[in-house]
Amino acid sequence: MGGERDQLIGFLDFLRATVVWKCGDLTDEQARRSLVPSKLVTLAGLVSHLTLVEEWWFANVVGGEPDRWDEASTADPDVDWKQGADTPLPELVAAYQAQCEVSRRYVAERDLDDVITAPNGKQFNVRWVLLHMIEETARHAGHLDLIREMTDGLTGE
C-alpha cells in the first residue's frame, strides 16, 4: 500500500537490491566470466552498465549535471560495459550502490510530473524516468539472474 511515488521507488529499490544480491559472494574471475555470446555481458559488465545508466538518467537528465561520460561514450559506445573489466567486483557494487543513493536524492527533489530536458533535447517527466529505470533494471536483473545461475547455480530473487 502506498502512493504512486512510493510504489515506483519501492519497485526500483527492490530491483537495485536484487542486482546487488546477485553479485554477492563471487570472485572477480566469476564476475568477469563471459557465459553468453556477447563478451560484454558479464556480471561485472552489467553492474558497470547499470551504474552509468543510473548516473545518466538521474544525475544528468533529472539533475541536470554535466555528462562526464559523453566523450568516452562517443569514442566507445560500450565503455559502460567495459568499465567492469579491471575493477574488483566489490568496488563495482559499491559504486553502483553509491550512484543509486545519488539517484534517490535527485528524485526526492522533484515531483513526478516535473518535465526535464535531457542533454539530447528530448523531454521527459520524472515519472517516465522512474518507469524506464524500473524496466531497465528489471531487464538486467534478469540477465544477472541467468548468468549467476550459470556461474554457480544460485537462483531466486
C-alpha atoms as a PDB file:
ATOM      1  CA  MET A   1       0.000   0.000   0.000  1.00  0.00           C
ATOM      2  CA  GLY A   2       1.228   3.434  -0.776  1.00  0.00           C
ATOM      3  CA  GLY A   3       1.068   6.262  -3.216  1.00  0.00           C
ATOM      4  CA  GLU A   4       2.356   6.179  -6.752  1.00  0.00           C
ATOM      5  CA  ARG A   5       5.722   7.718  -5.866  1.00  0.00           C
ATOM      6  CA  ASP A   6       6.359   5.258  -3.019  1.00  0.00           C
ATOM      7  CA  GLN A   7       5.406   2.313  -5.199  1.00  0.00           C
ATOM      8  CA  LEU A   8       7.611   3.370  -8.117  1.00  0.00           C
ATOM      9  CA  ILE A   9      10.594   3.995  -5.865  1.00  0.00           C
ATOM     10  CA  GLY A  10       9.866   0.777  -3.953  1.00  0.00           C
ATOM     11  CA  PHE A  11       9.910  -1.351  -7.092  1.00  0.00           C
ATOM     12  CA  LEU A  12      13.110   0.294  -8.323  1.00  0.00           C
ATOM     13  CA  ASP A  13      14.810  -0.153  -4.947  1.00  0.00           C
ATOM     14  CA  PHE A  14      13.773  -3.820  -4.844  1.00  0.00           C
ATOM     15  CA  LEU A  15      15.379  -4.355  -8.251  1.00  0.00           C
ATOM     16  CA  ARG A  16      18.504  -2.452  -7.218  1.00  0.00           C
ATOM     17  CA  ALA A  17      18.818  -4.696  -4.160  1.00  0.00           C
ATOM     18  CA  THR A  18      18.381  -7.740  -6.408  1.00  0.00           C
ATOM     19  CA  VAL A  19      21.282  -6.555  -8.584  1.00  0.00           C
ATOM     20  CA  VAL A  20      23.499  -6.256  -5.512  1.00  0.00           C
ATOM     21  CA  TRP A  21      22.386  -9.624  -4.141  1.00  0.00           C
ATOM     22  CA  LYS A  22      23.108 -11.369  -7.453  1.00  0.00           C
ATOM     23  CA  CYS A  23      26.723 -10.201  -7.176  1.00  0.00           C
ATOM     24  CA  GLY A  24      27.284 -11.414  -3.632  1.00  0.00           C
ATOM     25  CA  ASP A  25      29.936 -13.993  -2.728  1.00  0.00           C
ATOM     26  CA  LEU A  26      31.545 -14.106  -6.171  1.00  0.00           C
ATOM     27  CA  THR A  27      35.167 -13.859  -7.154  1.00  0.00           C
ATOM     28  CA  ASP A  28      36.342 -11.269  -9.650  1.00  0.00           C
ATOM     29  CA  GLU A  29      37.013 -14.096 -12.089  1.00  0.00           C
ATOM     30  CA  GLN A  30      33.423 -15.321 -11.801  1.00  0.00           C
ATOM     31  CA  ALA A  31      32.093 -11.778 -12.215  1.00  0.00           C
ATOM     32  CA  ARG A  32      34.064 -11.332 -15.446  1.00  0.00           C
ATOM     33  CA  ARG A  33      33.314 -14.732 -16.915  1.00  0.00           C
ATOM     34  CA  SER A  34      31.536 -14.494 -20.249  1.00  0.00           C
ATOM     35  CA  LEU A  35      28.823 -17.149 -20.487  1.00  0.00           C
ATOM     36  CA  VAL A  36      26.813 -15.759 -23.402  1.00  0.00           C
ATOM     37  CA  PRO A  37      27.812 -14.918 -26.983  1.00  0.00           C
ATOM     38  CA  SER A  38      28.268 -11.224 -26.181  1.00  0.00           C
ATOM     39  CA  LYS A  39      31.604 -10.976 -24.396  1.00  0.00           C
ATOM     40  CA  LEU A  40      30.473  -7.725 -22.739  1.00  0.00           C
ATOM     41  CA  VAL A  41      27.521  -9.274 -20.884  1.00  0.00           C
ATOM     42  CA  THR A  42      29.134 -10.432 -17.679  1.00  0.00           C
ATOM     43  CA  LEU A  43      28.082  -9.886 -14.079  1.00  0.00           C
ATOM     44  CA  ALA A  44      30.735  -7.166 -13.789  1.00  0.00           C
ATOM     45  CA  GLY A  45      29.755  -5.626 -17.125  1.00  0.00           C
ATOM     46  CA  LEU A  46      26.091  -5.496 -16.153  1.00  0.00           C
ATOM     47  CA  VAL A  47      26.805  -3.762 -12.848  1.00  0.00           C
ATOM     48  CA  SER A  48      29.114  -1.308 -14.591  1.00  0.00           C
ATOM     49  CA  HIS A  49      26.449  -0.592 -17.229  1.00  0.00           C
ATOM     50  CA  LEU A  50      23.700  -0.122 -14.635  1.00  0.00           C
ATOM     51  CA  THR A  51      25.890   2.317 -12.700  1.00  0.00           C
ATOM     52  CA  LEU A  52      26.338   4.504 -15.750  1.00  0.00           C
ATOM     53  CA  VAL A  53      22.635   4.245 -16.644  1.00  0.00           C
ATOM     54  CA  GLU A  54      21.713   5.396 -13.116  1.00  0.00           C
ATOM     55  CA  GLU A  55      24.104   8.329 -13.481  1.00  0.00           C
ATOM     56  CA  TRP A  56      22.791   9.289 -16.919  1.00  0.00           C
ATOM     57  CA  TRP A  57      19.090   9.226 -16.120  1.00  0.00           C
ATOM     58  CA  PHE A  58      19.145  10.642 -12.618  1.00  0.00           C
ATOM     59  CA  ALA A  59      22.233  12.867 -12.371  1.00  0.00           C
ATOM     60  CA  ASN A  60      22.400  14.056 -15.982  1.00  0.00           C
ATOM     61  CA  VAL A  61      18.755  14.072 -17.046  1.00  0.00           C
ATOM     62  CA  VAL A  62      16.820  14.654 -13.796  1.00  0.00           C
ATOM     63  CA  GLY A  63      19.585  16.551 -12.004  1.00  0.00           C
ATOM     64  CA  GLY A  64      20.957  18.497 -14.969  1.00  0.00           C
ATOM     65  CA  GLU A  65      24.553  17.613 -14.139  1.00  0.00           C
ATOM     66  CA  PRO A  66      27.102  17.567 -16.971  1.00  0.00           C
ATOM     67  CA  ASP A  67      27.614  14.171 -18.599  1.00  0.00           C
ATOM     68  CA  ARG A  68      31.110  13.147 -17.531  1.00  0.00           C
ATOM     69  CA  TRP A  69      30.904  10.091 -19.832  1.00  0.00           C
ATOM     70  CA  ASP A  70      29.998  11.978 -23.021  1.00  0.00           C
ATOM     71  CA  GLU A  71      33.455  11.984 -24.594  1.00  0.00           C
ATOM     72  CA  ALA A  72      34.303   8.409 -23.570  1.00  0.00           C
ATOM     73  CA  SER A  73      30.953   7.003 -24.736  1.00  0.00           C
ATOM     74  CA  THR A  74      31.210   8.871 -28.025  1.00  0.00           C
ATOM     75  CA  ALA A  75      34.620   7.295 -28.600  1.00  0.00           C
ATOM     76  CA  ASP A  76      33.427   3.850 -27.458  1.00  0.00           C
ATOM     77  CA  PRO A  77      29.672   3.203 -27.149  1.00  0.00           C
ATOM     78  CA  ASP A  78      30.425   0.140 -24.981  1.00  0.00           C
ATOM     79  CA  VAL A  79      32.570   1.964 -22.428  1.00  0.00           C
ATOM     80  CA  ASP A  80      29.926   1.488 -19.727  1.00  0.00           C
ATOM     81  CA  TRP A  81      30.094  -2.289 -20.158  1.00  0.00           C
ATOM     82  CA  LYS A  82      33.888  -2.346 -20.294  1.00  0.00           C
ATOM     83  CA  GLN A  83      34.461  -0.362 -17.091  1.00  0.00           C
ATOM     84  CA  GLY A  84      33.956  -3.533 -15.090  1.00  0.00           C
ATOM     85  CA  ALA A  85      36.734  -5.439 -16.819  1.00  0.00           C
ATOM     86  CA  ASP A  86      39.501  -4.330 -14.470  1.00  0.00           C
ATOM     87  CA  THR A  87      37.667  -3.127 -11.380  1.00  0.00           C
ATOM     88  CA  PRO A  88      37.251  -5.515  -8.438  1.00  0.00           C
ATOM     89  CA  LEU A  89      33.624  -6.621  -8.033  1.00  0.00           C
ATOM     90  CA  PRO A  90      33.233  -5.141  -4.522  1.00  0.00           C
ATOM     91  CA  GLU A  91      34.264  -1.744  -5.925  1.00  0.00           C
ATOM     92  CA  LEU A  92      31.789  -2.058  -8.809  1.00  0.00           C
ATOM     93  CA  VAL A  93      28.962  -2.932  -6.422  1.00  0.00           C
ATOM     94  CA  ALA A  94      29.904  -0.099  -4.039  1.00  0.00           C
ATOM     95  CA  ALA A  95      29.961   2.369  -6.948  1.00  0.00           C
ATOM     96  CA  TYR A  96      26.547   1.121  -8.072  1.00  0.00           C
ATOM     97  CA  GLN A  97      25.097   1.495  -4.580  1.00  0.00           C
ATOM     98  CA  ALA A  98      26.582   4.973  -4.226  1.00  0.00           C
ATOM     99  CA  GLN A  99      25.150   6.026  -7.586  1.00  0.00           C
ATOM    100  CA  CYS A 100      21.733   4.675  -6.594  1.00  0.00           C
ATOM    101  CA  GLU A 101      21.881   6.824  -3.462  1.00  0.00           C
ATOM    102  CA  VAL A 102      22.672   9.876  -5.594  1.00  0.00           C
ATOM    103  CA  SER A 103      19.745   8.932  -7.845  1.00  0.00           C
ATOM    104  CA  ARG A 104      17.393   8.773  -4.855  1.00  0.00           C
ATOM    105  CA  ARG A 105      18.391  12.298  -3.835  1.00  0.00           C
ATOM    106  CA  TYR A 106      17.680  13.714  -7.294  1.00  0.00           C
ATOM    107  CA  VAL A 107      14.254  12.056  -7.397  1.00  0.00           C
ATOM    108  CA  ALA A 108      13.418  13.302  -3.894  1.00  0.00           C
ATOM    109  CA  GLU A 109      13.920  16.879  -5.102  1.00  0.00           C
ATOM    110  CA  ARG A 110      11.368  16.564  -7.918  1.00  0.00           C
ATOM    111  CA  ASP A 111       7.674  15.943  -8.438  1.00  0.00           C
ATOM    112  CA  LEU A 112       6.668  13.042 -10.683  1.00  0.00           C
ATOM    113  CA  ASP A 113       5.144  15.468 -13.190  1.00  0.00           C
ATOM    114  CA  ASP A 114       8.220  17.720 -13.416  1.00  0.00           C
ATOM    115  CA  VAL A 115       9.323  17.970 -17.041  1.00  0.00           C
ATOM    116  CA  ILE A 116      13.043  17.726 -17.610  1.00  0.00           C
ATOM    117  CA  THR A 117      15.106  18.133 -20.750  1.00  0.00           C
ATOM    118  CA  ALA A 118      17.857  15.624 -21.443  1.00  0.00           C
ATOM    119  CA  PRO A 119      21.187  16.751 -22.885  1.00  0.00           C
ATOM    120  CA  ASN A 120      19.968  15.467 -26.277  1.00  0.00           C
ATOM    121  CA  GLY A 121      16.988  17.874 -26.120  1.00  0.00           C
ATOM    122  CA  LYS A 122      14.297  15.258 -25.514  1.00  0.00           C
ATOM    123  CA  GLN A 123      11.824  15.953 -22.746  1.00  0.00           C
ATOM    124  CA  PHE A 124      10.595  13.519 -20.087  1.00  0.00           C
ATOM    125  CA  ASN A 125       8.814  13.751 -16.798  1.00  0.00           C
ATOM    126  CA  VAL A 126      10.292  12.229 -13.651  1.00  0.00           C
ATOM    127  CA  ARG A 127       7.578   9.544 -13.630  1.00  0.00           C
ATOM    128  CA  TRP A 128       8.713   8.332 -17.073  1.00  0.00           C
ATOM    129  CA  VAL A 129      12.350   8.214 -15.925  1.00  0.00           C
ATOM    130  CA  LEU A 130      11.395   6.090 -12.892  1.00  0.00           C
ATOM    131  CA  LEU A 131       9.325   3.744 -15.055  1.00  0.00           C
ATOM    132  CA  HIS A 132      12.132   3.477 -17.589  1.00  0.00           C
ATOM    133  CA  MET A 133      14.662   2.699 -14.863  1.00  0.00           C
ATOM    134  CA  ILE A 134      12.366   0.029 -13.416  1.00  0.00           C
ATOM    135  CA  GLU A 135      12.249  -1.565 -16.885  1.00  0.00           C
ATOM    136  CA  GLU A 136      15.989  -1.185 -17.477  1.00  0.00           C
ATOM    137  CA  THR A 137      16.983  -2.519 -14.064  1.00  0.00           C
ATOM    138  CA  ALA A 138      14.480  -5.401 -14.245  1.00  0.00           C
ATOM    139  CA  ARG A 139      15.744  -6.452 -17.668  1.00  0.00           C
ATOM    140  CA  HIS A 140      19.327  -6.509 -16.482  1.00  0.00           C
ATOM    141  CA  ALA A 141      18.420  -8.148 -13.164  1.00  0.00           C
ATOM    142  CA  GLY A 142      17.013 -10.955 -15.313  1.00  0.00           C
ATOM    143  CA  HIS A 143      20.304 -11.166 -17.187  1.00  0.00           C
ATOM    144  CA  LEU A 144      22.154 -11.245 -13.866  1.00  0.00           C
ATOM    145  CA  ASP A 145      19.832 -13.983 -12.648  1.00  0.00           C
ATOM    146  CA  LEU A 146      20.607 -16.207 -15.625  1.00  0.00           C
ATOM    147  CA  ILE A 147      24.341 -15.550 -15.598  1.00  0.00           C
ATOM    148  CA  ARG A 148      24.538 -16.122 -11.852  1.00  0.00           C
ATOM    149  CA  GLU A 149      22.699 -19.443 -12.191  1.00  0.00           C
ATOM    150  CA  MET A 150      25.127 -20.480 -14.951  1.00  0.00           C
ATOM    151  CA  THR A 151      28.056 -19.408 -12.761  1.00  0.00           C
ATOM    152  CA  ASP A 152      27.313 -21.284  -9.542  1.00  0.00           C
ATOM    153  CA  GLY A 153      23.691 -22.430  -9.568  1.00  0.00           C
ATOM    154  CA  LEU A 154      22.316 -19.613  -7.353  1.00  0.00           C
ATOM    155  CA  THR A 155      18.685 -18.818  -8.132  1.00  0.00           C
ATOM    156  CA  GLY A 156      15.969 -16.663  -6.613  1.00  0.00           C
ATOM    157  CA  GLU A 157      15.263 -13.015  -6.000  1.00  0.00           C
END
